[in-house]
C-alpha atoms as a PDB file:
ATOM      1  CA  MET A   1      37.089  25.418 -23.182  1.00  0.00           C
ATOM      2  CA  ASN A   2      40.719  26.320 -23.736  1.00  0.00           C
ATOM      3  CA  GLY A   3      43.497  26.545 -21.180  1.00  0.00           C
ATOM      4  CA  ALA A   4      46.267  29.169 -21.000  1.00  0.00           C
ATOM      5  CA  PHE A   5      48.881  29.505 -23.713  1.00  0.00           C
ATOM      6  CA  THR A   6      52.452  28.481 -23.040  1.00  0.00           C
ATOM      7  CA  ILE A   7      55.154  30.143 -25.172  1.00  0.00           C
ATOM      8  CA  PHE A   8      58.588  28.581 -25.378  1.00  0.00           C
ATOM      9  CA  ALA A   9      61.466  28.179 -27.838  1.00  0.00           C
ATOM     10  CA  ARG A  10      63.316  25.127 -29.080  1.00  0.00           C
ATOM     11  CA  ARG A  11      67.018  25.751 -29.729  1.00  0.00           C
ATOM     12  CA  GLY A  12      69.224  23.844 -32.139  1.00  0.00           C
ATOM     13  CA  VAL A  13      71.999  21.456 -31.157  1.00  0.00           C
ATOM     14  CA  GLN A  14      75.388  21.983 -32.784  1.00  0.00           C
ATOM     15  CA  VAL A  15      77.735  19.016 -33.097  1.00  0.00           C
ATOM     16  CA  ALA A  16      81.339  19.753 -32.110  1.00  0.00           C
ATOM     17  CA  ASP A  17      84.147  19.569 -34.669  1.00  0.00           C
ATOM     18  CA  VAL A  18      81.741  19.442 -37.634  1.00  0.00           C
ATOM     19  CA  ASN A  19      82.151  21.994 -40.418  1.00  0.00           C
ATOM     20  CA  LEU A  20      78.854  21.281 -42.240  1.00  0.00           C
ATOM     21  CA  GLN A  21      75.777  20.137 -40.358  1.00  0.00           C
ATOM     22  CA  ARG A  22      72.544  19.207 -42.135  1.00  0.00           C
ATOM     23  CA  GLY A  23      69.402  17.434 -40.946  1.00  0.00           C
ATOM     24  CA  PHE A  24      65.720  17.798 -40.162  1.00  0.00           C
ATOM     25  CA  VAL A  25      63.660  19.172 -37.313  1.00  0.00           C
ATOM     26  CA  THR A  26      60.177  17.786 -36.608  1.00  0.00           C
ATOM     27  CA  VAL A  27      57.630  18.899 -34.054  1.00  0.00           C
ATOM     28  CA  ARG A  28      54.627  16.819 -33.054  1.00  0.00           C
ATOM     29  CA  SER A  29      51.935  17.272 -30.376  1.00  0.00           C
ATOM     30  CA  ALA A  30      49.687  14.618 -28.887  1.00  0.00           C
ATOM     31  CA  GLY A  31      46.551  14.333 -26.825  1.00  0.00           C
ATOM     32  CA  ARG A  32      44.760  17.579 -26.067  1.00  0.00           C
ATOM     33  CA  LEU A  33      47.821  19.739 -26.803  1.00  0.00           C
ATOM     34  CA  GLN A  34      47.681  22.043 -29.808  1.00  0.00           C
ATOM     35  CA  LEU A  35      51.009  23.353 -31.136  1.00  0.00           C
ATOM     36  CA  ARG A  36      51.461  26.522 -33.183  1.00  0.00           C
ATOM     37  CA  VAL A  37      54.524  27.955 -34.943  1.00  0.00           C
ATOM     38  CA  GLU A  38      53.988  31.521 -36.151  1.00  0.00           C
ATOM     39  CA  ASN A  39      57.428  32.739 -37.232  1.00  0.00           C
ATOM     40  CA  ALA A  40      59.962  30.071 -38.142  1.00  0.00           C
ATOM     41  CA  PRO A  41      63.596  31.306 -38.432  1.00  0.00           C
ATOM     42  CA  ALA A  42      65.427  31.395 -41.741  1.00  0.00           C
ATOM     43  CA  ALA A  43      67.709  28.597 -40.489  1.00  0.00           C
ATOM     44  CA  LEU A  44      64.734  26.232 -40.838  1.00  0.00           C
ATOM     45  CA  GLN A  45      63.096  25.652 -44.207  1.00  0.00           C
ATOM     46  CA  PRO A  46      59.588  24.084 -44.186  1.00  0.00           C
ATOM     47  CA  THR A  47      59.410  20.657 -45.801  1.00  0.00           C
ATOM     48  CA  GLU A  48      57.070  17.674 -46.002  1.00  0.00           C
ATOM     49  CA  TRP A  49      57.160  14.822 -43.528  1.00  0.00           C
ATOM     50  CA  GLN A  50      57.159  12.374 -46.409  1.00  0.00           C
ATOM     51  CA  GLY A  51      60.357  13.986 -47.744  1.00  0.00           C
ATOM     52  CA  ILE A  52      62.411  12.917 -44.733  1.00  0.00           C
ATOM     53  CA  PRO A  53      64.544   9.816 -45.537  1.00  0.00           C
ATOM     54  CA  ARG A  54      63.120   6.614 -44.083  1.00  0.00           C
ATOM     55  CA  ALA A  55      66.412   5.889 -42.375  1.00  0.00           C
ATOM     56  CA  LEU A  56      65.826   8.954 -40.200  1.00  0.00           C
ATOM     57  CA  GLN A  57      62.189   8.043 -39.499  1.00  0.00           C
ATOM     58  CA  GLN A  58      62.785   4.580 -38.099  1.00  0.00           C
ATOM     59  CA  ASP A  59      62.946   5.692 -34.467  1.00  0.00           C
ATOM     60  CA  ILE A  60      60.068   8.147 -34.761  1.00  0.00           C
ATOM     61  CA  ALA A  61      56.392   7.360 -34.208  1.00  0.00           C
ATOM     62  CA  ALA A  62      54.545   6.262 -37.318  1.00  0.00           C
ATOM     63  CA  SER A  63      52.201   9.241 -37.314  1.00  0.00           C
ATOM     64  CA  SER A  64      53.374  12.288 -39.229  1.00  0.00           C
ATOM     65  CA  ALA A  65      54.692  15.395 -37.473  1.00  0.00           C
ATOM     66  CA  ASN A  66      52.719  18.597 -37.154  1.00  0.00           C
ATOM     67  CA  PHE A  67      55.669  20.595 -38.475  1.00  0.00           C
ATOM     68  CA  ALA A  68      58.756  19.482 -40.404  1.00  0.00           C
ATOM     69  CA  TYR A  69      61.769  21.612 -41.345  1.00  0.00           C
ATOM     70  CA  ARG A  70      65.008  21.140 -43.233  1.00  0.00           C
ATOM     71  CA  LEU A  71      67.977  22.318 -41.208  1.00  0.00           C
ATOM     72  CA  VAL A  72      70.001  25.021 -42.976  1.00  0.00           C
ATOM     73  CA  GLU A  73      71.987  26.351 -40.023  1.00  0.00           C
ATOM     74  CA  PRO A  74      72.466  24.431 -36.757  1.00  0.00           C
ATOM     75  CA  ALA A  75      72.118  27.553 -34.619  1.00  0.00           C
ATOM     76  CA  PHE A  76      68.422  28.407 -34.507  1.00  0.00           C
ATOM     77  CA  SER A  77      65.650  29.263 -32.082  1.00  0.00           C
ATOM     78  CA  LEU A  78      62.165  28.028 -32.956  1.00  0.00           C
ATOM     79  CA  PRO A  79      59.422  29.896 -31.021  1.00  0.00           C
ATOM     80  CA  MET A  80      56.305  27.829 -30.373  1.00  0.00           C
ATOM     81  CA  LYS A  81      52.973  28.372 -28.682  1.00  0.00           C
ATOM     82  CA  LEU A  82      51.392  25.447 -26.824  1.00  0.00           C
ATOM     83  CA  GLU A  83      47.693  25.394 -25.986  1.00  0.00           C
ATOM     84  CA  ARG A  84      46.080  22.786 -23.768  1.00  0.00           C
ATOM     85  CA  HIS A  85      42.421  21.951 -24.488  1.00  0.00           C
ATOM     86  CA  GLU A  86      40.207  20.567 -21.785  1.00  0.00           C
ATOM     87  CA  ALA A  87      38.316  17.372 -22.497  1.00  0.00           C
ATOM     88  CA  THR A  88      34.925  17.986 -24.074  1.00  0.00           C
ATOM     89  CA  LYS A  89      32.254  17.729 -21.434  1.00  0.00           C
ATOM     90  CA  LEU A  90      29.415  15.405 -22.291  1.00  0.00           C
ATOM     91  CA  LEU A  91      25.918  16.750 -21.979  1.00  0.00           C
ATOM     92  CA  ALA A  92      24.315  14.803 -19.172  1.00  0.00           C
ATOM     93  CA  ALA A  93      21.031  13.056 -19.837  1.00  0.00           C
ATOM     94  CA  ARG A  94      18.128  14.088 -17.647  1.00  0.00           C
ATOM     95  CA  VAL A  95      14.778  12.531 -16.801  1.00  0.00           C
ATOM     96  CA  ASN A  96      12.254  15.352 -16.493  1.00  0.00           C
ATOM     97  CA  ASN A  97       9.467  13.072 -15.267  1.00  0.00           C
ATOM     98  CA  ILE A  98       8.617   9.397 -15.032  1.00  0.00           C
ATOM     99  CA  THR A  99       5.240   7.697 -14.558  1.00  0.00           C
ATOM    100  CA  PHE A 100       4.682   4.047 -13.672  1.00  0.00           C
ATOM    101  CA  THR A 101       1.191   2.703 -14.383  1.00  0.00           C
ATOM    102  CA  SER A 102       0.471  -0.766 -12.972  1.00  0.00           C
ATOM    103  CA  VAL A 103      -2.720  -2.789 -13.377  1.00  0.00           C
ATOM    104  CA  ILE A 104      -2.971  -5.600 -10.822  1.00  0.00           C
ATOM    105  CA  ALA A 105      -5.269  -8.602 -11.049  1.00  0.00           C
ATOM    106  CA  ASP A 106      -6.622 -10.315  -7.941  1.00  0.00           C
ATOM    107  CA  SER A 107      -4.369 -13.270  -8.785  1.00  0.00           C
ATOM    108  CA  GLY A 108      -1.255 -11.115  -8.285  1.00  0.00           C
ATOM    109  CA  ALA A 109      -0.365 -10.717 -11.971  1.00  0.00           C
ATOM    110  CA  MET A 110       0.749  -7.173 -12.738  1.00  0.00           C
ATOM    111  CA  LEU A 111       1.277  -5.374 -16.026  1.00  0.00           C
ATOM    112  CA  THR A 112       3.280  -2.133 -15.883  1.00  0.00           C
ATOM    113  CA  GLN A 113       3.844   0.698 -18.310  1.00  0.00           C
ATOM    114  CA  VAL A 114       6.746   3.077 -17.639  1.00  0.00           C
ATOM    115  CA  ARG A 115       6.744   6.401 -19.415  1.00  0.00           C
ATOM    116  CA  LEU A 116       9.755   8.726 -19.218  1.00  0.00           C
ATOM    117  CA  GLU A 117      10.259  12.198 -20.619  1.00  0.00           C
ATOM    118  CA  ILE A 118      14.023  12.231 -21.091  1.00  0.00           C
ATOM    119  CA  LEU A 119      16.476  14.818 -22.368  1.00  0.00           C
ATOM    120  CA  PRO A 120      19.100  12.430 -23.790  1.00  0.00           C
ATOM    121  CA  GLY A 121      22.017  14.848 -24.167  1.00  0.00           C
ATOM    122  CA  ASP A 122      24.962  12.747 -25.342  1.00  0.00           C
ATOM    123  CA  LYS A 123      23.546   9.538 -23.881  1.00  0.00           C
ATOM    124  CA  ARG A 124      23.170   6.883 -26.559  1.00  0.00           C
ATOM    125  CA  LEU A 125      21.705   4.035 -24.526  1.00  0.00           C
ATOM    126  CA  LEU A 126      19.225   3.908 -21.658  1.00  0.00           C
ATOM    127  CA  HIS A 127      20.100   1.129 -19.201  1.00  0.00           C
ATOM    128  CA  PHE A 128      17.487  -0.354 -16.879  1.00  0.00           C
ATOM    129  CA  THR A 129      16.777  -3.506 -14.900  1.00  0.00           C
ATOM    130  CA  LEU A 130      13.458  -5.194 -14.216  1.00  0.00           C
ATOM    131  CA  PRO A 131      12.237  -6.635 -10.912  1.00  0.00           C
ATOM    132  CA  LYS A 132      13.122 -10.238 -10.222  1.00  0.00           C
ATOM    133  CA  ASP A 133      11.245 -12.710 -12.464  1.00  0.00           C
ATOM    134  CA  ALA A 134       9.629  -9.866 -14.448  1.00  0.00           C
ATOM    135  CA  ARG A 135       9.214 -10.301 -18.208  1.00  0.00           C
ATOM    136  CA  PHE A 136      10.007  -7.553 -20.691  1.00  0.00           C
ATOM    137  CA  TRP A 137       7.378  -7.021 -23.391  1.00  0.00           C
ATOM    138  CA  PHE A 138       8.327  -4.144 -25.656  1.00  0.00           C
ATOM    139  CA  ALA A 139       9.537  -0.529 -25.736  1.00  0.00           C
ATOM    140  CA  PHE A 140       8.883   2.634 -27.719  1.00  0.00           C
ATOM    141  CA  VAL A 141      11.125   5.661 -28.226  1.00  0.00           C
ATOM    142  CA  ASN A 142       9.338   8.709 -29.598  1.00  0.00           C
ATOM    143  CA  GLN A 143       6.301   6.520 -30.435  1.00  0.00           C
ATOM    144  CA  LYS A 144       8.471   4.156 -32.498  1.00  0.00           C
ATOM    145  CA  GLY A 145       9.192   0.557 -31.617  1.00  0.00           C
ATOM    146  CA  VAL A 146      12.823  -0.167 -30.761  1.00  0.00           C
ATOM    147  CA  TRP A 147      14.814  -3.377 -30.527  1.00  0.00           C
ATOM    148  CA  PRO A 148      16.632  -3.538 -27.158  1.00  0.00           C
ATOM    149  CA  TRP A 149      19.329  -5.984 -26.125  1.00  0.00           C
ATOM    150  CA  ARG A 150      20.634  -7.394 -22.857  1.00  0.00           C
ATOM    151  CA  GLU A 151      23.938  -7.137 -21.040  1.00  0.00           C
ATOM    152  CA  LYS A 152      23.750  -9.510 -18.079  1.00  0.00           C
ATOM    153  CA  ASP A 153      20.812  -8.244 -15.979  1.00  0.00           C
ATOM    154  CA  GLU A 154      20.533  -4.916 -17.781  1.00  0.00           C
ATOM    155  CA  ILE A 155      18.331  -4.083 -20.755  1.00  0.00           C
ATOM    156  CA  LEU A 156      19.615  -1.412 -23.148  1.00  0.00           C
ATOM    157  CA  ILE A 157      17.420   0.817 -25.312  1.00  0.00           C
ATOM    158  CA  PRO A 158      18.866   3.091 -28.033  1.00  0.00           C
ATOM    159  CA  LEU A 159      17.880   6.740 -27.657  1.00  0.00           C
ATOM    160  CA  GLU A 160      17.247   9.310 -30.352  1.00  0.00           C
ATOM    161  CA  GLN A 161      19.560  12.304 -30.187  1.00  0.00           C
ATOM    162  CA  GLN A 162      17.038  15.145 -30.086  1.00  0.00           C
ATOM    163  CA  SER A 163      18.512  17.214 -27.284  1.00  0.00           C
ATOM    164  CA  ARG A 164      19.057  20.307 -29.460  1.00  0.00           C
ATOM    165  CA  GLY A 165      16.788  23.090 -28.413  1.00  0.00           C
ATOM    166  CA  GLY A 166      15.969  21.286 -25.172  1.00  0.00           C
ATOM    167  CA  ARG A 167      13.555  18.826 -26.789  1.00  0.00           C
ATOM    168  CA  THR A 168      12.673  15.796 -24.710  1.00  0.00           C
ATOM    169  CA  VAL A 169      12.152  12.289 -26.021  1.00  0.00           C
ATOM    170  CA  PRO A 170       9.298  10.109 -24.692  1.00  0.00           C
ATOM    171  CA  VAL A 171      10.285   6.553 -23.817  1.00  0.00           C
ATOM    172  CA  GLU A 172       7.743   3.835 -22.987  1.00  0.00           C
ATOM    173  CA  ILE A 173       8.522   0.415 -21.526  1.00  0.00           C
ATOM    174  CA  PHE A 174       6.094  -2.438 -20.856  1.00  0.00           C
ATOM    175  CA  TYR A 175       6.725  -5.435 -18.618  1.00  0.00           C
ATOM    176  CA  SER A 176       4.748  -7.950 -16.579  1.00  0.00           C
ATOM    177  CA  SER A 177       5.455  -9.608 -13.256  1.00  0.00           C
ATOM    178  CA  ASP A 178       3.904 -11.748 -10.532  1.00  0.00           C
ATOM    179  CA  ILE A 179       3.958  -9.836  -7.277  1.00  0.00           C
ATOM    180  CA  SER A 180       4.045 -11.202  -3.739  1.00  0.00           C
ATOM    181  CA  LYS A 181       0.594 -11.490  -2.158  1.00  0.00           C
ATOM    182  CA  SER A 182      -1.029 -13.225   0.755  1.00  0.00           C
ATOM    183  CA  GLY A 183      -4.314 -15.018   0.770  1.00  0.00           C
ATOM    184  CA  GLU A 184      -5.800 -17.750  -1.372  1.00  0.00           C
ATOM    185  CA  PRO A 185      -8.088 -17.184  -4.352  1.00  0.00           C
ATOM    186  CA  GLY A 186     -11.302 -15.748  -3.014  1.00  0.00           C
ATOM    187  CA  SER A 187      -9.534 -14.254  -0.007  1.00  0.00           C
ATOM    188  CA  ARG A 188     -10.877 -10.978   1.300  1.00  0.00           C
ATOM    189  CA  SER A 189      -7.445  -9.400   1.892  1.00  0.00           C
ATOM    190  CA  LEU A 190      -4.364  -8.500  -0.114  1.00  0.00           C
ATOM    191  CA  ASN A 191      -0.766  -7.991   0.958  1.00  0.00           C
ATOM    192  CA  LEU A 192       1.228  -6.784  -2.051  1.00  0.00           C
ATOM    193  CA  GLN A 193       4.924  -5.952  -2.402  1.00  0.00           C
ATOM    194  CA  LEU A 194       5.563  -3.866  -5.528  1.00  0.00           C
ATOM    195  CA  VAL A 195       9.043  -3.220  -6.929  1.00  0.00           C
ATOM    196  CA  ALA A 196       9.651  -0.853  -9.850  1.00  0.00           C
ATOM    197  CA  ALA A 197      12.148  -1.054 -12.688  1.00  0.00           C
ATOM    198  CA  LYS A 198      15.470   0.700 -11.970  1.00  0.00           C
ATOM    199  CA  PHE A 199      17.324   3.083 -14.278  1.00  0.00           C
ATOM    200  CA  ASP A 200      20.913   4.293 -14.647  1.00  0.00           C
ATOM    201  CA  LEU A 201      19.851   7.934 -14.230  1.00  0.00           C
ATOM    202  CA  PRO A 202      18.553  10.096 -11.411  1.00  0.00           C
ATOM    203  CA  LEU A 203      14.768  10.525 -11.622  1.00  0.00           C
ATOM    204  CA  GLU A 204      12.556  13.573 -11.166  1.00  0.00           C
ATOM    205  CA  ASN A 205       8.807  14.021 -10.726  1.00  0.00           C
ATOM    206  CA  ILE A 206       8.081  10.359 -10.009  1.00  0.00           C
ATOM    207  CA  THR A 207       4.501   9.112 -10.132  1.00  0.00           C
ATOM    208  CA  TRP A 208       3.254   5.555  -9.672  1.00  0.00           C
ATOM    209  CA  ARG A 209      -0.410   4.886 -10.473  1.00  0.00           C
ATOM    210  CA  ILE A 210      -1.726   1.544  -9.233  1.00  0.00           C
ATOM    211  CA  PHE A 211      -5.066   0.101 -10.331  1.00  0.00           C
ATOM    212  CA  LEU A 212      -6.872  -2.525  -8.244  1.00  0.00           C
ATOM    213  CA  ASN A 213     -10.307  -4.074  -8.487  1.00  0.00           C
ATOM    214  CA  GLU A 214     -12.844  -1.567  -7.204  1.00  0.00           C
ATOM    215  CA  LYS A 215     -13.852  -3.972  -4.435  1.00  0.00           C
ATOM    216  CA  TRP A 216     -10.539  -3.366  -2.619  1.00  0.00           C
ATOM    217  CA  ARG A 217     -10.102  -0.646  -0.010  1.00  0.00           C
ATOM    218  CA  LEU A 218      -6.587   0.353   1.036  1.00  0.00           C
ATOM    219  CA  THR A 219      -5.925  -0.203   4.746  1.00  0.00           C
ATOM    220  CA  LYS A 220      -2.145   0.372   4.929  1.00  0.00           C
ATOM    221  CA  TRP A 221       0.756   1.315   2.683  1.00  0.00           C
ATOM    222  CA  THR A 222       4.528   1.523   3.035  1.00  0.00           C
ATOM    223  CA  GLY A 223       7.423   2.344   0.720  1.00  0.00           C
ATOM    224  CA  SER A 224       9.577   5.071  -0.796  1.00  0.00           C
ATOM    225  CA  LEU A 225       6.716   7.132  -2.323  1.00  0.00           C
ATOM    226  CA  GLN A 226       3.914   9.174  -0.785  1.00  0.00           C
ATOM    227  CA  LEU A 227       0.169   8.589  -1.260  1.00  0.00           C
ATOM    228  CA  GLN A 228      -1.667  11.764  -2.400  1.00  0.00           C
ATOM    229  CA  GLN A 229      -4.730  10.359  -4.106  1.00  0.00           C
ATOM    230  CA  ASP A 230      -7.202   7.437  -3.751  1.00  0.00           C
ATOM    231  CA  ALA A 231      -9.918   7.548  -6.373  1.00  0.00           C
ATOM    232  CA  ALA A 232     -12.367   5.285  -8.148  1.00  0.00           C
ATOM    233  CA  VAL A 233     -12.150   5.264 -11.946  1.00  0.00           C
ATOM    234  CA  SER A 234     -15.652   4.931 -13.358  1.00  0.00           C
ATOM    235  CA  SER A 235     -14.917   5.249 -17.079  1.00  0.00           C
ATOM    236  CA  PRO A 236     -12.217   2.791 -18.159  1.00  0.00           C
ATOM    237  CA  ALA A 237      -9.270   3.998 -20.237  1.00  0.00           C
ATOM    238  CA  VAL A 238      -6.593   1.917 -21.919  1.00  0.00           C
ATOM    239  CA  ILE A 239      -2.821   1.837 -22.239  1.00  0.00           C
ATOM    240  CA  GLN A 240      -1.917   1.415 -25.901  1.00  0.00           C
ATOM    241  CA  ALA A 241      -5.555   0.380 -26.498  1.00  0.00           C
ATOM    242  CA  SER A 242      -5.026  -2.955 -24.771  1.00  0.00           C
ATOM    243  CA  ILE A 243      -4.674  -2.619 -20.999  1.00  0.00           C
ATOM    244  CA  PRO A 244      -7.737  -1.376 -19.085  1.00  0.00           C
ATOM    245  CA  GLU A 245      -7.292   1.309 -16.449  1.00  0.00           C
ATOM    246  CA  GLN A 246     -10.324   0.826 -14.247  1.00  0.00           C
ATOM    247  CA  GLY A 247     -11.247   0.049 -10.676  1.00  0.00           C
ATOM    248  CA  ARG A 248      -9.651   1.880  -7.777  1.00  0.00           C
ATOM    249  CA  MET A 249      -6.618   4.029  -8.581  1.00  0.00           C
ATOM    250  CA  PHE A 250      -3.991   4.755  -5.947  1.00  0.00           C
ATOM    251  CA  THR A 251      -1.497   7.456  -6.939  1.00  0.00           C
ATOM    252  CA  PHE A 252       1.888   7.611  -5.234  1.00  0.00           C
ATOM    253  CA  SER A 253       4.499  10.268  -5.935  1.00  0.00           C
ATOM    254  CA  ARG A 254       8.009  11.447  -5.112  1.00  0.00           C
ATOM    255  CA  ALA A 255       9.818  14.613  -6.151  1.00  0.00           C
ATOM    256  CA  VAL A 256      13.246  13.216  -6.963  1.00  0.00           C
ATOM    257  CA  ALA A 257      15.467  10.145  -6.704  1.00  0.00           C
ATOM    258  CA  VAL A 258      19.027  11.460  -6.733  1.00  0.00           C
ATOM    259  CA  ASP A 259      20.946   8.195  -6.933  1.00  0.00           C
ATOM    260  CA  LYS A 260      21.221   6.060 -10.032  1.00  0.00           C
ATOM    261  CA  TRP A 261      19.556   2.628  -9.852  1.00  0.00           C
ATOM    262  CA  GLU A 262      17.264   3.939  -7.098  1.00  0.00           C
ATOM    263  CA  ASP A 263      14.977   1.366  -5.446  1.00  0.00           C
ATOM    264  CA  LEU A 264      11.313   2.332  -5.687  1.00  0.00           C
ATOM    265  CA  GLN A 265       9.046   0.061  -3.668  1.00  0.00           C
ATOM    266  CA  ILE A 266       5.495   0.137  -2.377  1.00  0.00           C
ATOM    267  CA  GLY A 267       3.790  -2.220   0.038  1.00  0.00           C
ATOM    268  CA  LEU A 268      -0.014  -2.381  -0.013  1.00  0.00           C
ATOM    269  CA  LYS A 269      -2.515  -4.001   2.293  1.00  0.00           C
ATOM    270  CA  ALA A 270      -6.159  -3.998   1.274  1.00  0.00           C
ATOM    271  CA  LYS A 271      -9.448  -5.572   2.311  1.00  0.00           C
ATOM    272  CA  ALA A 272     -12.482  -6.307   0.222  1.00  0.00           C
ATOM    273  CA  VAL A 273     -15.564  -4.250   0.923  1.00  0.00           C
ATOM    274  CA  THR A 274     -18.006  -6.418   2.942  1.00  0.00           C
ATOM    275  CA  PRO A 275     -21.372  -6.587   1.161  1.00  0.00           C
ATOM    276  CA  ALA A 276     -24.504  -6.130   3.246  1.00  0.00           C
ATOM    277  CA  SER A 277     -26.122  -9.382   4.468  1.00  0.00           C
ATOM    278  CA  TRP A 278     -29.482 -10.549   3.098  1.00  0.00           C
ATOM    279  CA  LEU A 279     -31.145  -9.647   6.369  1.00  0.00           C
ATOM    280  CA  VAL A 280     -29.912  -6.082   6.199  1.00  0.00           C
ATOM    281  CA  ARG A 281     -30.912  -5.824   2.557  1.00  0.00           C
ATOM    282  CA  LEU A 282     -34.458  -7.061   3.331  1.00  0.00           C
ATOM    283  CA  ALA A 283     -34.735  -4.584   6.202  1.00  0.00           C
ATOM    284  CA  ILE A 284     -33.682  -1.727   3.927  1.00  0.00           C
ATOM    285  CA  LEU A 285     -36.160  -2.867   1.271  1.00  0.00           C
ATOM    286  CA  ALA A 286     -38.991  -3.132   3.798  1.00  0.00           C
ATOM    287  CA  GLY A 287     -38.209   0.327   5.177  1.00  0.00           C
ATOM    288  CA  THR A 288     -38.191   1.775   1.661  1.00  0.00           C
ATOM    289  CA  VAL A 289     -41.615   0.197   0.882  1.00  0.00           C
ATOM    290  CA  LEU A 290     -43.021   1.502   4.149  1.00  0.00           C
ATOM    291  CA  VAL A 291     -41.881   5.048   3.455  1.00  0.00           C
ATOM    292  CA  LEU A 292     -43.292   4.936  -0.076  1.00  0.00           C
ATOM    293  CA  GLY A 293     -46.607   3.623   1.289  1.00  0.00           C
ATOM    294  CA  MET A 294     -46.797   6.504   3.747  1.00  0.00           C
ATOM    295  CA  PHE A 295     -46.263   8.990   0.921  1.00  0.00           C
ATOM    296  CA  VAL A 296     -49.046   7.361  -1.121  1.00  0.00           C
ATOM    297  CA  ARG A 297     -51.540   7.476   1.796  1.00  0.00           C
ATOM    298  CA  SER A 298     -50.684  11.094   2.502  1.00  0.00           C
ATOM    299  CA  ALA A 299     -51.276  11.991  -1.148  1.00  0.00           C
ATOM    300  CA  ARG A 300     -54.720  10.281  -1.156  1.00  0.00           C
ATOM    301  CA  ALA A 301     -55.757  12.022   2.050  1.00  0.00           C
ATOM    302  CA  PHE A 302     -54.712  15.350   0.618  1.00  0.00           C
ATOM    303  CA  ARG A 303     -56.874  14.779  -2.485  1.00  0.00           C
ATOM    304  CA  ARG A 304     -59.968  13.950  -0.345  1.00  0.00           C
ATOM    305  CA  ILE A 305     -59.552  17.151   1.637  1.00  0.00           C
ATOM    306  CA  GLN A 306     -59.508  19.125  -1.596  1.00  0.00           C
END
């Protein structure tokens, strides 16, 4: 975007008590200023910057001038047009949607896949941080493996510049972590504190799918996302053909996280489903046999009547 034009004139300086005055006139712009000279006066003859004697260049910046003239007459007026250009605005990157998928073992080990649909704009690197003590595994950009690097606590992933035409780029990140839990092995309760990876961009359409063993039933949840679904997954699927998605799936969601490096956390409390005791099972079995026996006797009686 261009600013308004400014038109002004540069007038010559005449030295007193000098019969013959010769020299050079140079004009140079810097930064976002663009200089134009449309009609130079006859008193100024265009010349090359390199043609100016070095003795006259010693106090001038090393870069060449935009315009250089040889002075024919000291009395001149050089009209110029100055245009100021605004700084080029960078196209902001945008995350259209992001899905966390976490598979949690009863031991507290958790493996998480993060999938983002991102419009990179002019963004070259995606910065993110992992939860404390989490271990980064690998990342894919547009289904291709990438080699990230670290800067202190941040991990940087190079992005493909495919923003033309509004095309998004899928980014996948895998990491593992040991989450906080209460109860010893074999315990019939869980108390989990889940923390997600954080990114240097606002997030939209956030979904976090959490898979637990099907024996667990959710009793309480807290955090920055809302529960909309609690379902059992009967047919297992896989992430990258290696991580099973099976058991009970709890889906949490959030429309938008406006701030960069937003904290996304979920607290879960669950109890194992109590299996029926042997006494109850025997009672159910005996009742079933009794009902079947009654059906058999009724069928025999019906045949005799016929």
